Amino acid sequence: QKPILLQGHERSITQIKYNREGDLLFTVAKDPIVNVWYSVNGERLGTYNGHTGAVWCVDADWDTRHVLTGSADNSCRLWDCETGKQLALVKTSSAVRTCGFDFGGNIIMFSTDKQMGYQCFVSFFDLRDPSQIENNEPYMKIPCSDSKITSAVWGPLGEFIIAGHENGELNQFSAKSGEQLSNIKEHTKQINDIQTSRDMTMFITASKDNTAKLFDCTSLEHLKTFRTERPVNSAALSPIFDHVVLGGGQEAMDVTTTSTRIGKFEARFFHLAFEEEFGRVKGHFGPINSVAFHPDGKSYSSGGEDGYVRIHYFDPQYFEFEFEA
């Protein structure tokens, strides 16, 4: 089945994200454009214009009213999803690497990079209190002195966030007190991506150490490991089957030295319980930087170093195969 090709970026994709219903797909890249598409046919709905640097992260809240973006232009911005109007601008002292809404959509968190003499911080703002944004004073700011945060997501019920670090560590930080609830180190290299399961009980990490690992959200217990022979840039959990999709490939700077066939730029499917690979999908002309399952599990999207986003719908056999198995 031919994928839908989305061409809306000039530079490599950094993150793609569906909203909760899955009718919209948000894409950001190393250019200042934030795009939103209809996921059913790949038609571009519009853009959110205002950033002046690479946009690293994007998130939409529970009822798709607001969109949050974080950028290398040292800002985190809140947008009205429907009109594309910028509602709030939070200036930071270094690039914003990860961002996200909590379960209720009232609290936002974002992490900033450790660069130019500035420390890595996680900041929490309550959108119900406009003065926090106006005065640029988060109600809580957690410093991360050891290793910068490269990916972070909210845990179930918005009680804590799960943060992955450059050195391979995973932390839980309380969203109420800011204290570190637990800390583990299962990866040997940088964690590139964290995504939770549909019911928020588990999450999967993608790492430069060529593995993706599955963890319990609350206890951070390590459950499964999916091994490849290339760095994994992104991993997502199917909402309906015990399936995992991994996207990756070699480092972007090494890509020119190998042909695309050897470059291992396929999206790779693994079985969640058996940790076995059962399928690959080719297509991108470079490493895959971000993958996401549609919330109904009938399709998935991948965004690559080549600047394209591809929406793949599964064949009917895919569903029959799983039910027989």
C-alpha atoms as a PDB file:
ATOM      1  CA  GLN A   1       0.000   0.000   0.000  1.00  0.00           C
ATOM      2  CA  LYS A   2       1.378   3.355  -1.041  1.00  0.00           C
ATOM      3  CA  PRO A   3       2.131   5.678   1.856  1.00  0.00           C
ATOM      4  CA  ILE A   4       0.869   9.262   2.015  1.00  0.00           C
ATOM      5  CA  LEU A   5       3.865  11.563   1.658  1.00  0.00           C
ATOM      6  CA  LEU A   6       3.782  14.852   3.559  1.00  0.00           C
ATOM      7  CA  GLN A   7       6.112  17.524   2.190  1.00  0.00           C
ATOM      8  CA  GLY A   8       5.994  20.559   4.415  1.00  0.00           C
ATOM      9  CA  HIS A   9       9.513  20.949   5.774  1.00  0.00           C
ATOM     10  CA  GLU A  10      12.810  22.062   4.304  1.00  0.00           C
ATOM     11  CA  ARG A  11      14.990  20.417   6.946  1.00  0.00           C
ATOM     12  CA  SER A  12      15.048  17.097   8.788  1.00  0.00           C
ATOM     13  CA  ILE A  13      12.063  16.148  10.955  1.00  0.00           C
ATOM     14  CA  THR A  14      12.578  16.346  14.731  1.00  0.00           C
ATOM     15  CA  GLN A  15       9.214  15.121  16.050  1.00  0.00           C
ATOM     16  CA  ILE A  16       5.774  14.026  14.855  1.00  0.00           C
ATOM     17  CA  LYS A  17       2.757  13.746  17.136  1.00  0.00           C
ATOM     18  CA  TYR A  18      -0.900  12.757  16.721  1.00  0.00           C
ATOM     19  CA  ASN A  19      -3.586  14.438  18.783  1.00  0.00           C
ATOM     20  CA  ARG A  20      -5.671  12.192  21.039  1.00  0.00           C
ATOM     21  CA  GLU A  21      -8.399  11.470  18.468  1.00  0.00           C
ATOM     22  CA  GLY A  22      -5.808  10.977  15.748  1.00  0.00           C
ATOM     23  CA  ASP A  23      -7.488  13.169  13.133  1.00  0.00           C
ATOM     24  CA  LEU A  24      -4.561  15.607  13.210  1.00  0.00           C
ATOM     25  CA  LEU A  25      -0.828  15.060  12.875  1.00  0.00           C
ATOM     26  CA  PHE A  26       1.616  17.722  14.075  1.00  0.00           C
ATOM     27  CA  THR A  27       5.115  17.817  12.599  1.00  0.00           C
ATOM     28  CA  VAL A  28       8.154  19.890  13.534  1.00  0.00           C
ATOM     29  CA  ALA A  29      11.633  19.975  12.028  1.00  0.00           C
ATOM     30  CA  LYS A  30      14.981  21.740  12.090  1.00  0.00           C
ATOM     31  CA  ASP A  31      13.273  24.658  10.343  1.00  0.00           C
ATOM     32  CA  PRO A  32      11.026  27.236  12.093  1.00  0.00           C
ATOM     33  CA  ILE A  33       7.790  25.815  10.622  1.00  0.00           C
ATOM     34  CA  VAL A  34       5.229  23.944  12.735  1.00  0.00           C
ATOM     35  CA  ASN A  35       2.798  22.061  10.491  1.00  0.00           C
ATOM     36  CA  VAL A  36      -0.543  20.425  11.220  1.00  0.00           C
ATOM     37  CA  TRP A  37      -2.071  17.911   8.778  1.00  0.00           C
ATOM     38  CA  TYR A  38      -5.269  15.923   8.397  1.00  0.00           C
ATOM     39  CA  SER A  39      -3.996  12.407   9.057  1.00  0.00           C
ATOM     40  CA  VAL A  40      -6.683  10.725   6.932  1.00  0.00           C
ATOM     41  CA  ASN A  41      -5.556  12.178   3.590  1.00  0.00           C
ATOM     42  CA  GLY A  42      -2.356  14.102   4.292  1.00  0.00           C
ATOM     43  CA  GLU A  43      -3.867  17.507   3.518  1.00  0.00           C
ATOM     44  CA  ARG A  44      -2.128  20.362   5.284  1.00  0.00           C
ATOM     45  CA  LEU A  45      -4.487  22.197   7.608  1.00  0.00           C
ATOM     46  CA  GLY A  46      -2.108  25.036   8.403  1.00  0.00           C
ATOM     47  CA  THR A  47       1.057  26.221  10.092  1.00  0.00           C
ATOM     48  CA  TYR A  48       1.958  27.912  13.373  1.00  0.00           C
ATOM     49  CA  ASN A  49       4.318  30.756  12.503  1.00  0.00           C
ATOM     50  CA  GLY A  50       6.549  32.568  14.955  1.00  0.00           C
ATOM     51  CA  HIS A  51       9.635  30.515  15.756  1.00  0.00           C
ATOM     52  CA  THR A  52      12.960  31.666  14.368  1.00  0.00           C
ATOM     53  CA  GLY A  53      15.027  28.503  14.914  1.00  0.00           C
ATOM     54  CA  ALA A  54      14.815  24.724  14.714  1.00  0.00           C
ATOM     55  CA  VAL A  55      11.739  23.377  16.528  1.00  0.00           C
ATOM     56  CA  TRP A  56      12.635  20.361  18.678  1.00  0.00           C
ATOM     57  CA  CYS A  57       9.324  19.296  20.168  1.00  0.00           C
ATOM     58  CA  VAL A  58       5.548  19.579  19.858  1.00  0.00           C
ATOM     59  CA  ASP A  59       2.550  18.458  21.898  1.00  0.00           C
ATOM     60  CA  ALA A  60      -1.225  18.904  21.753  1.00  0.00           C
ATOM     61  CA  ASP A  61      -3.460  18.856  24.816  1.00  0.00           C
ATOM     62  CA  TRP A  62      -6.190  16.332  25.591  1.00  0.00           C
ATOM     63  CA  ASP A  63      -9.011  18.076  23.711  1.00  0.00           C
ATOM     64  CA  THR A  64      -6.789  19.548  20.958  1.00  0.00           C
ATOM     65  CA  ARG A  65      -7.438  23.156  21.913  1.00  0.00           C
ATOM     66  CA  HIS A  66      -3.831  24.145  22.428  1.00  0.00           C
ATOM     67  CA  VAL A  67      -0.499  23.232  20.869  1.00  0.00           C
ATOM     68  CA  LEU A  68       2.852  23.566  22.615  1.00  0.00           C
ATOM     69  CA  THR A  69       6.187  23.878  20.794  1.00  0.00           C
ATOM     70  CA  GLY A  70       9.764  24.200  21.998  1.00  0.00           C
ATOM     71  CA  SER A  71      12.553  25.566  19.863  1.00  0.00           C
ATOM     72  CA  ALA A  72      16.269  26.291  19.549  1.00  0.00           C
ATOM     73  CA  ASP A  73      15.333  30.005  19.371  1.00  0.00           C
ATOM     74  CA  ASN A  74      15.225  29.852  23.208  1.00  0.00           C
ATOM     75  CA  SER A  75      11.464  29.902  23.499  1.00  0.00           C
ATOM     76  CA  CYS A  76       8.498  27.686  24.316  1.00  0.00           C
ATOM     77  CA  ARG A  77       5.249  28.812  22.671  1.00  0.00           C
ATOM     78  CA  LEU A  78       1.579  28.055  23.239  1.00  0.00           C
ATOM     79  CA  TRP A  79      -0.765  28.233  20.248  1.00  0.00           C
ATOM     80  CA  ASP A  80      -4.487  28.147  19.631  1.00  0.00           C
ATOM     81  CA  CYS A  81      -4.834  24.914  17.670  1.00  0.00           C
ATOM     82  CA  GLU A  82      -7.761  26.058  15.544  1.00  0.00           C
ATOM     83  CA  THR A  83      -6.690  29.574  14.557  1.00  0.00           C
ATOM     84  CA  GLY A  84      -2.897  29.244  14.690  1.00  0.00           C
ATOM     85  CA  LYS A  85      -2.708  32.310  16.923  1.00  0.00           C
ATOM     86  CA  GLN A  86       0.157  32.495  19.423  1.00  0.00           C
ATOM     87  CA  LEU A  87      -1.302  32.612  22.945  1.00  0.00           C
ATOM     88  CA  ALA A  88       1.840  32.668  25.072  1.00  0.00           C
ATOM     89  CA  LEU A  89       5.573  32.952  24.713  1.00  0.00           C
ATOM     90  CA  VAL A  90       7.996  31.778  27.387  1.00  0.00           C
ATOM     91  CA  LYS A  91      11.568  32.921  26.832  1.00  0.00           C
ATOM     92  CA  THR A  92      14.365  30.664  28.056  1.00  0.00           C
ATOM     93  CA  SER A  93      18.120  31.040  28.347  1.00  0.00           C
ATOM     94  CA  SER A  94      18.886  27.998  26.174  1.00  0.00           C
ATOM     95  CA  ALA A  95      17.174  25.766  23.595  1.00  0.00           C
ATOM     96  CA  VAL A  96      13.934  23.998  24.611  1.00  0.00           C
ATOM     97  CA  ARG A  97      14.430  20.279  23.957  1.00  0.00           C
ATOM     98  CA  THR A  98      11.230  18.590  25.196  1.00  0.00           C
ATOM     99  CA  CYS A  99       7.755  19.851  26.103  1.00  0.00           C
ATOM    100  CA  GLY A 100       4.372  18.439  27.064  1.00  0.00           C
ATOM    101  CA  PHE A 101       0.904  19.036  28.502  1.00  0.00           C
ATOM    102  CA  ASP A 102      -0.201  17.141  31.554  1.00  0.00           C
ATOM    103  CA  PHE A 103      -3.314  14.944  31.530  1.00  0.00           C
ATOM    104  CA  GLY A 104      -5.703  17.848  32.158  1.00  0.00           C
ATOM    105  CA  GLY A 105      -4.012  20.271  29.777  1.00  0.00           C
ATOM    106  CA  ASN A 106      -3.587  22.867  32.544  1.00  0.00           C
ATOM    107  CA  ILE A 107       0.074  22.368  33.341  1.00  0.00           C
ATOM    108  CA  ILE A 108       2.909  22.450  30.841  1.00  0.00           C
ATOM    109  CA  MET A 109       6.453  21.272  31.369  1.00  0.00           C
ATOM    110  CA  PHE A 110       9.504  21.788  29.211  1.00  0.00           C
ATOM    111  CA  SER A 111      13.209  21.123  29.556  1.00  0.00           C
ATOM    112  CA  THR A 112      16.025  23.382  28.394  1.00  0.00           C
ATOM    113  CA  ASP A 113      19.455  22.383  27.155  1.00  0.00           C
ATOM    114  CA  LYS A 114      22.698  22.636  29.032  1.00  0.00           C
ATOM    115  CA  GLN A 115      24.573  25.093  26.817  1.00  0.00           C
ATOM    116  CA  MET A 116      26.322  28.479  26.785  1.00  0.00           C
ATOM    117  CA  GLY A 117      27.073  28.195  30.494  1.00  0.00           C
ATOM    118  CA  TYR A 118      23.442  27.558  31.418  1.00  0.00           C
ATOM    119  CA  GLN A 119      22.294  24.527  33.335  1.00  0.00           C
ATOM    120  CA  CYS A 120      19.630  22.092  32.128  1.00  0.00           C
ATOM    121  CA  PHE A 121      16.274  22.862  33.811  1.00  0.00           C
ATOM    122  CA  VAL A 122      12.776  21.398  33.769  1.00  0.00           C
ATOM    123  CA  SER A 123      10.193  24.169  34.176  1.00  0.00           C
ATOM    124  CA  PHE A 124       6.525  23.757  35.132  1.00  0.00           C
ATOM    125  CA  PHE A 125       3.901  26.420  34.375  1.00  0.00           C
ATOM    126  CA  ASP A 126       0.243  26.372  35.415  1.00  0.00           C
ATOM    127  CA  LEU A 127      -1.762  27.889  32.542  1.00  0.00           C
ATOM    128  CA  ARG A 128      -4.627  28.740  34.917  1.00  0.00           C
ATOM    129  CA  ASP A 129      -2.392  31.411  36.426  1.00  0.00           C
ATOM    130  CA  PRO A 130      -1.610  33.904  33.625  1.00  0.00           C
ATOM    131  CA  SER A 131       0.889  35.779  35.791  1.00  0.00           C
ATOM    132  CA  GLN A 132       3.316  32.833  35.642  1.00  0.00           C
ATOM    133  CA  ILE A 133       3.642  33.223  31.872  1.00  0.00           C
ATOM    134  CA  GLU A 134       3.617  37.042  31.971  1.00  0.00           C
ATOM    135  CA  ASN A 135       6.393  37.219  34.557  1.00  0.00           C
ATOM    136  CA  ASN A 136       8.160  34.180  33.110  1.00  0.00           C
ATOM    137  CA  GLU A 137       8.121  32.592  36.554  1.00  0.00           C
ATOM    138  CA  PRO A 138       7.335  28.872  36.585  1.00  0.00           C
ATOM    139  CA  TYR A 139       5.796  27.536  39.791  1.00  0.00           C
ATOM    140  CA  MET A 140       8.620  25.006  39.851  1.00  0.00           C
ATOM    141  CA  LYS A 141      12.020  24.664  38.241  1.00  0.00           C
ATOM    142  CA  ILE A 142      14.112  21.524  38.669  1.00  0.00           C
ATOM    143  CA  PRO A 143      17.842  21.761  37.908  1.00  0.00           C
ATOM    144  CA  CYS A 144      19.561  18.768  36.288  1.00  0.00           C
ATOM    145  CA  SER A 145      23.240  19.274  36.889  1.00  0.00           C
ATOM    146  CA  ASP A 146      24.676  15.890  35.897  1.00  0.00           C
ATOM    147  CA  SER A 147      23.421  15.151  32.410  1.00  0.00           C
ATOM    148  CA  LYS A 148      21.024  17.089  30.199  1.00  0.00           C
ATOM    149  CA  ILE A 149      17.496  15.837  29.524  1.00  0.00           C
ATOM    150  CA  THR A 150      17.053  14.667  25.936  1.00  0.00           C
ATOM    151  CA  SER A 151      13.464  13.417  26.174  1.00  0.00           C
ATOM    152  CA  ALA A 152      10.652  13.698  28.721  1.00  0.00           C
ATOM    153  CA  VAL A 153       6.998  12.714  29.037  1.00  0.00           C
ATOM    154  CA  TRP A 154       4.257  13.041  31.639  1.00  0.00           C
ATOM    155  CA  GLY A 155       3.479   9.960  33.690  1.00  0.00           C
ATOM    156  CA  PRO A 156      -0.076   8.721  34.398  1.00  0.00           C
ATOM    157  CA  LEU A 157      -2.465  11.262  36.006  1.00  0.00           C
ATOM    158  CA  GLY A 158       0.142  14.017  35.717  1.00  0.00           C
ATOM    159  CA  GLU A 159       1.706  13.187  39.069  1.00  0.00           C
ATOM    160  CA  PHE A 160       5.266  13.037  37.761  1.00  0.00           C
ATOM    161  CA  ILE A 161       7.332  13.299  34.611  1.00  0.00           C
ATOM    162  CA  ILE A 162       9.688  10.668  33.232  1.00  0.00           C
ATOM    163  CA  ALA A 163      12.914  12.125  31.871  1.00  0.00           C
ATOM    164  CA  GLY A 164      15.594  10.449  29.775  1.00  0.00           C
ATOM    165  CA  HIS A 165      19.130  11.823  29.846  1.00  0.00           C
ATOM    166  CA  GLU A 166      22.164  12.140  27.612  1.00  0.00           C
ATOM    167  CA  ASN A 167      24.061   9.590  29.697  1.00  0.00           C
ATOM    168  CA  GLY A 168      21.294   6.944  29.443  1.00  0.00           C
ATOM    169  CA  GLU A 169      19.690   7.553  32.847  1.00  0.00           C
ATOM    170  CA  LEU A 170      15.947   7.614  33.465  1.00  0.00           C
ATOM    171  CA  ASN A 171      14.422   9.762  36.225  1.00  0.00           C
ATOM    172  CA  GLN A 172      11.013  10.386  37.707  1.00  0.00           C
ATOM    173  CA  PHE A 173      10.437  13.913  38.989  1.00  0.00           C
ATOM    174  CA  SER A 174       7.372  14.768  41.063  1.00  0.00           C
ATOM    175  CA  ALA A 175       5.246  17.480  39.428  1.00  0.00           C
ATOM    176  CA  LYS A 176       4.138  18.632  42.885  1.00  0.00           C
ATOM    177  CA  SER A 177       7.372  18.857  44.858  1.00  0.00           C
ATOM    178  CA  GLY A 178      10.039  18.550  42.186  1.00  0.00           C
ATOM    179  CA  GLU A 179      11.882  15.842  44.078  1.00  0.00           C
ATOM    180  CA  GLN A 180      13.460  12.941  42.231  1.00  0.00           C
ATOM    181  CA  LEU A 181      11.273   9.916  42.920  1.00  0.00           C
ATOM    182  CA  SER A 182      13.450   7.280  41.298  1.00  0.00           C
ATOM    183  CA  ASN A 183      16.461   6.911  39.074  1.00  0.00           C
ATOM    184  CA  ILE A 184      17.680   3.982  36.962  1.00  0.00           C
ATOM    185  CA  LYS A 185      20.281   3.479  34.273  1.00  0.00           C
ATOM    186  CA  GLU A 186      19.447   0.698  31.817  1.00  0.00           C
ATOM    187  CA  HIS A 187      20.858   2.365  28.701  1.00  0.00           C
ATOM    188  CA  THR A 188      24.560   2.917  28.097  1.00  0.00           C
ATOM    189  CA  LYS A 189      24.116   5.887  25.739  1.00  0.00           C
ATOM    190  CA  GLN A 190      21.794   8.842  25.154  1.00  0.00           C
ATOM    191  CA  ILE A 191      18.016   8.307  25.269  1.00  0.00           C
ATOM    192  CA  ASN A 192      16.575   9.847  22.099  1.00  0.00           C
ATOM    193  CA  ASP A 193      12.865   9.349  22.607  1.00  0.00           C
ATOM    194  CA  ILE A 194      10.292   8.277  25.209  1.00  0.00           C
ATOM    195  CA  GLN A 195       6.678   7.377  24.370  1.00  0.00           C
ATOM    196  CA  THR A 196       3.990   5.996  26.670  1.00  0.00           C
ATOM    197  CA  SER A 197       1.451   3.301  25.912  1.00  0.00           C
ATOM    198  CA  ARG A 198      -2.167   4.256  25.242  1.00  0.00           C
ATOM    199  CA  ASP A 199      -3.210   3.500  28.849  1.00  0.00           C
ATOM    200  CA  MET A 200      -0.070   5.144  30.322  1.00  0.00           C
ATOM    201  CA  THR A 201       0.965   2.010  32.225  1.00  0.00           C
ATOM    202  CA  MET A 202       4.168   1.456  30.229  1.00  0.00           C
ATOM    203  CA  PHE A 203       6.614   3.493  28.225  1.00  0.00           C
ATOM    204  CA  ILE A 204       9.277   2.713  25.643  1.00  0.00           C
ATOM    205  CA  THR A 205      12.656   4.383  25.282  1.00  0.00           C
ATOM    206  CA  ALA A 206      14.813   4.640  22.148  1.00  0.00           C
ATOM    207  CA  SER A 207      18.534   4.991  22.618  1.00  0.00           C
ATOM    208  CA  LYS A 208      21.808   5.544  20.795  1.00  0.00           C
ATOM    209  CA  ASP A 209      23.029   2.245  22.276  1.00  0.00           C
ATOM    210  CA  ASN A 210      21.100   0.422  19.466  1.00  0.00           C
ATOM    211  CA  THR A 211      18.247  -0.719  21.724  1.00  0.00           C
ATOM    212  CA  ALA A 212      14.704   0.250  22.629  1.00  0.00           C
ATOM    213  CA  LYS A 213      13.501  -0.772  26.086  1.00  0.00           C
ATOM    214  CA  LEU A 214      10.094  -1.153  27.678  1.00  0.00           C
ATOM    215  CA  PHE A 215       9.494   0.019  31.257  1.00  0.00           C
ATOM    216  CA  ASP A 216       6.704   0.180  33.806  1.00  0.00           C
ATOM    217  CA  CYS A 217       5.619   3.826  34.184  1.00  0.00           C
ATOM    218  CA  THR A 218       5.206   3.824  37.954  1.00  0.00           C
ATOM    219  CA  SER A 219       7.992   1.546  39.187  1.00  0.00           C
ATOM    220  CA  LEU A 220      10.417   2.101  36.256  1.00  0.00           C
ATOM    221  CA  GLU A 221      10.881  -1.664  36.197  1.00  0.00           C
ATOM    222  CA  HIS A 222      12.650  -2.761  33.009  1.00  0.00           C
ATOM    223  CA  LEU A 223      10.406  -5.230  31.157  1.00  0.00           C
ATOM    224  CA  LYS A 224      11.673  -5.851  27.597  1.00  0.00           C
ATOM    225  CA  THR A 225      14.554  -5.007  25.261  1.00  0.00           C
ATOM    226  CA  PHE A 226      14.425  -4.693  21.457  1.00  0.00           C
ATOM    227  CA  ARG A 227      17.870  -4.900  19.854  1.00  0.00           C
ATOM    228  CA  THR A 228      19.022  -3.562  16.491  1.00  0.00           C
ATOM    229  CA  GLU A 229      22.430  -2.928  14.962  1.00  0.00           C
ATOM    230  CA  ARG A 230      21.933   0.838  14.555  1.00  0.00           C
ATOM    231  CA  PRO A 231      21.110   3.713  16.904  1.00  0.00           C
ATOM    232  CA  VAL A 232      17.350   3.899  17.608  1.00  0.00           C
ATOM    233  CA  ASN A 233      15.988   7.450  17.280  1.00  0.00           C
ATOM    234  CA  SER A 234      12.349   6.798  18.090  1.00  0.00           C
ATOM    235  CA  ALA A 235      10.031   4.002  19.251  1.00  0.00           C
ATOM    236  CA  ALA A 236       6.252   3.763  19.591  1.00  0.00           C
ATOM    237  CA  LEU A 237       3.797   1.242  21.071  1.00  0.00           C
ATOM    238  CA  SER A 238       0.751   0.067  19.137  1.00  0.00           C
ATOM    239  CA  PRO A 239      -2.516   0.997  20.929  1.00  0.00           C
ATOM    240  CA  ILE A 240      -4.303  -2.214  19.829  1.00  0.00           C
ATOM    241  CA  PHE A 241      -1.675  -4.947  19.376  1.00  0.00           C
ATOM    242  CA  ASP A 242       1.449  -6.130  21.181  1.00  0.00           C
ATOM    243  CA  HIS A 243       3.560  -4.427  18.554  1.00  0.00           C
ATOM    244  CA  VAL A 244       6.399  -1.921  18.670  1.00  0.00           C
ATOM    245  CA  VAL A 245       7.723   0.169  15.797  1.00  0.00           C
ATOM    246  CA  LEU A 246      11.319   1.453  15.894  1.00  0.00           C
ATOM    247  CA  GLY A 247      12.818   4.128  13.704  1.00  0.00           C
ATOM    248  CA  GLY A 248      16.490   4.918  13.421  1.00  0.00           C
ATOM    249  CA  GLY A 249      19.528   4.377  11.308  1.00  0.00           C
ATOM    250  CA  GLN A 250      23.093   5.447  11.555  1.00  0.00           C
ATOM    251  CA  GLU A 251      24.154   8.917  12.679  1.00  0.00           C
ATOM    252  CA  ALA A 252      23.111  11.621  10.223  1.00  0.00           C
ATOM    253  CA  MET A 253      26.720  12.625   9.613  1.00  0.00           C
ATOM    254  CA  ASP A 254      27.711   9.102   8.520  1.00  0.00           C
ATOM    255  CA  VAL A 255      24.851   8.700   6.055  1.00  0.00           C
ATOM    256  CA  THR A 256      26.735   9.908   2.982  1.00  0.00           C
ATOM    257  CA  THR A 257      29.248   7.062   3.322  1.00  0.00           C
ATOM    258  CA  THR A 258      26.788   4.222   2.709  1.00  0.00           C
ATOM    259  CA  SER A 259      24.113   3.432   0.163  1.00  0.00           C
ATOM    260  CA  THR A 260      20.512   3.757   1.316  1.00  0.00           C
ATOM    261  CA  ARG A 261      20.136  -0.006   1.151  1.00  0.00           C
ATOM    262  CA  ILE A 262      22.867  -0.607   3.715  1.00  0.00           C
ATOM    263  CA  GLY A 263      21.869   2.462   5.702  1.00  0.00           C
ATOM    264  CA  LYS A 264      19.133   0.507   7.483  1.00  0.00           C
ATOM    265  CA  PHE A 265      16.576   3.268   7.203  1.00  0.00           C
ATOM    266  CA  GLU A 266      13.555   1.000   7.538  1.00  0.00           C
ATOM    267  CA  ALA A 267      10.888   1.250  10.177  1.00  0.00           C
ATOM    268  CA  ARG A 268      11.189  -2.017  12.099  1.00  0.00           C
ATOM    269  CA  PHE A 269       8.344  -3.874  13.783  1.00  0.00           C
ATOM    270  CA  PHE A 270       8.867  -6.025  16.866  1.00  0.00           C
ATOM    271  CA  HIS A 271       6.549  -8.162  18.942  1.00  0.00           C
ATOM    272  CA  LEU A 272       6.144  -6.643  22.384  1.00  0.00           C
ATOM    273  CA  ALA A 273       6.194  -9.897  24.339  1.00  0.00           C
ATOM    274  CA  PHE A 274       8.595 -12.028  22.291  1.00  0.00           C
ATOM    275  CA  GLU A 275      11.045  -9.214  21.446  1.00  0.00           C
ATOM    276  CA  GLU A 276      11.265 -10.645  17.916  1.00  0.00           C
ATOM    277  CA  GLU A 277      11.331  -8.582  14.745  1.00  0.00           C
ATOM    278  CA  PHE A 278       8.568  -9.519  12.299  1.00  0.00           C
ATOM    279  CA  GLY A 279       8.550  -6.785   9.672  1.00  0.00           C
ATOM    280  CA  ARG A 280      10.289  -3.838   8.049  1.00  0.00           C
ATOM    281  CA  VAL A 281       8.995  -0.938   5.985  1.00  0.00           C
ATOM    282  CA  LYS A 282      11.348   0.880   3.634  1.00  0.00           C
ATOM    283  CA  GLY A 283      10.897   4.377   2.270  1.00  0.00           C
ATOM    284  CA  HIS A 284      13.032   7.087   3.803  1.00  0.00           C
ATOM    285  CA  PHE A 285      16.279   8.324   2.244  1.00  0.00           C
ATOM    286  CA  GLY A 286      17.942   8.746   5.589  1.00  0.00           C
ATOM    287  CA  PRO A 287      17.536   7.861   9.248  1.00  0.00           C
ATOM    288  CA  ILE A 288      14.035   7.952  10.735  1.00  0.00           C
ATOM    289  CA  ASN A 289      13.948  10.556  13.516  1.00  0.00           C
ATOM    290  CA  SER A 290      10.412  10.112  14.830  1.00  0.00           C
ATOM    291  CA  VAL A 291       7.700   7.436  14.656  1.00  0.00           C
ATOM    292  CA  ALA A 292       4.131   7.475  15.962  1.00  0.00           C
ATOM    293  CA  PHE A 293       1.183   5.082  15.893  1.00  0.00           C
ATOM    294  CA  HIS A 294      -2.244   6.455  15.047  1.00  0.00           C
ATOM    295  CA  PRO A 295      -4.427   6.239  18.200  1.00  0.00           C
ATOM    296  CA  ASP A 296      -6.718   3.718  16.447  1.00  0.00           C
ATOM    297  CA  GLY A 297      -3.722   1.495  15.616  1.00  0.00           C
ATOM    298  CA  LYS A 298      -4.659   1.208  11.930  1.00  0.00           C
ATOM    299  CA  SER A 299      -1.767   3.303  10.634  1.00  0.00           C
ATOM    300  CA  TYR A 300       1.533   4.757  11.694  1.00  0.00           C
ATOM    301  CA  SER A 301       3.694   7.677  10.587  1.00  0.00           C
ATOM    302  CA  SER A 302       7.422   8.224  10.372  1.00  0.00           C
ATOM    303  CA  GLY A 303       9.424  11.423   9.964  1.00  0.00           C
ATOM    304  CA  GLY A 304      12.928  11.279   8.577  1.00  0.00           C
ATOM    305  CA  GLU A 305      16.210  13.089   8.190  1.00  0.00           C
ATOM    306  CA  ASP A 306      15.113  13.611   4.566  1.00  0.00           C
ATOM    307  CA  GLY A 307      12.442  16.089   5.715  1.00  0.00           C
ATOM    308  CA  TYR A 308       9.498  13.922   4.675  1.00  0.00           C
ATOM    309  CA  VAL A 309       6.732  12.471   6.813  1.00  0.00           C
ATOM    310  CA  ARG A 310       5.181   9.238   5.574  1.00  0.00           C
ATOM    311  CA  ILE A 311       1.782   7.957   6.725  1.00  0.00           C
ATOM    312  CA  HIS A 312       1.450   4.190   6.269  1.00  0.00           C
ATOM    313  CA  TYR A 313      -1.921   2.448   6.505  1.00  0.00           C
ATOM    314  CA  PHE A 314      -1.742  -1.234   7.431  1.00  0.00           C
ATOM    315  CA  ASP A 315      -3.122  -3.889   5.090  1.00  0.00           C
ATOM    316  CA  PRO A 316      -6.195  -5.841   6.218  1.00  0.00           C
ATOM    317  CA  GLN A 317      -3.924  -8.922   6.497  1.00  0.00           C
ATOM    318  CA  TYR A 318      -2.024  -7.165   9.303  1.00  0.00           C
ATOM    319  CA  PHE A 319      -5.125  -7.337  11.498  1.00  0.00           C
ATOM    320  CA  GLU A 320      -6.043 -10.899  10.497  1.00  0.00           C
ATOM    321  CA  PHE A 321      -2.488 -12.067  11.138  1.00  0.00           C
ATOM    322  CA  GLU A 322      -2.543 -10.691  14.683  1.00  0.00           C
ATOM    323  CA  PHE A 323      -5.873 -12.248  15.610  1.00  0.00           C
ATOM    324  CA  GLU A 324      -4.795 -15.647  14.306  1.00  0.00           C
ATOM    325  CA  ALA A 325      -1.528 -15.380  16.182  1.00  0.00           C
END
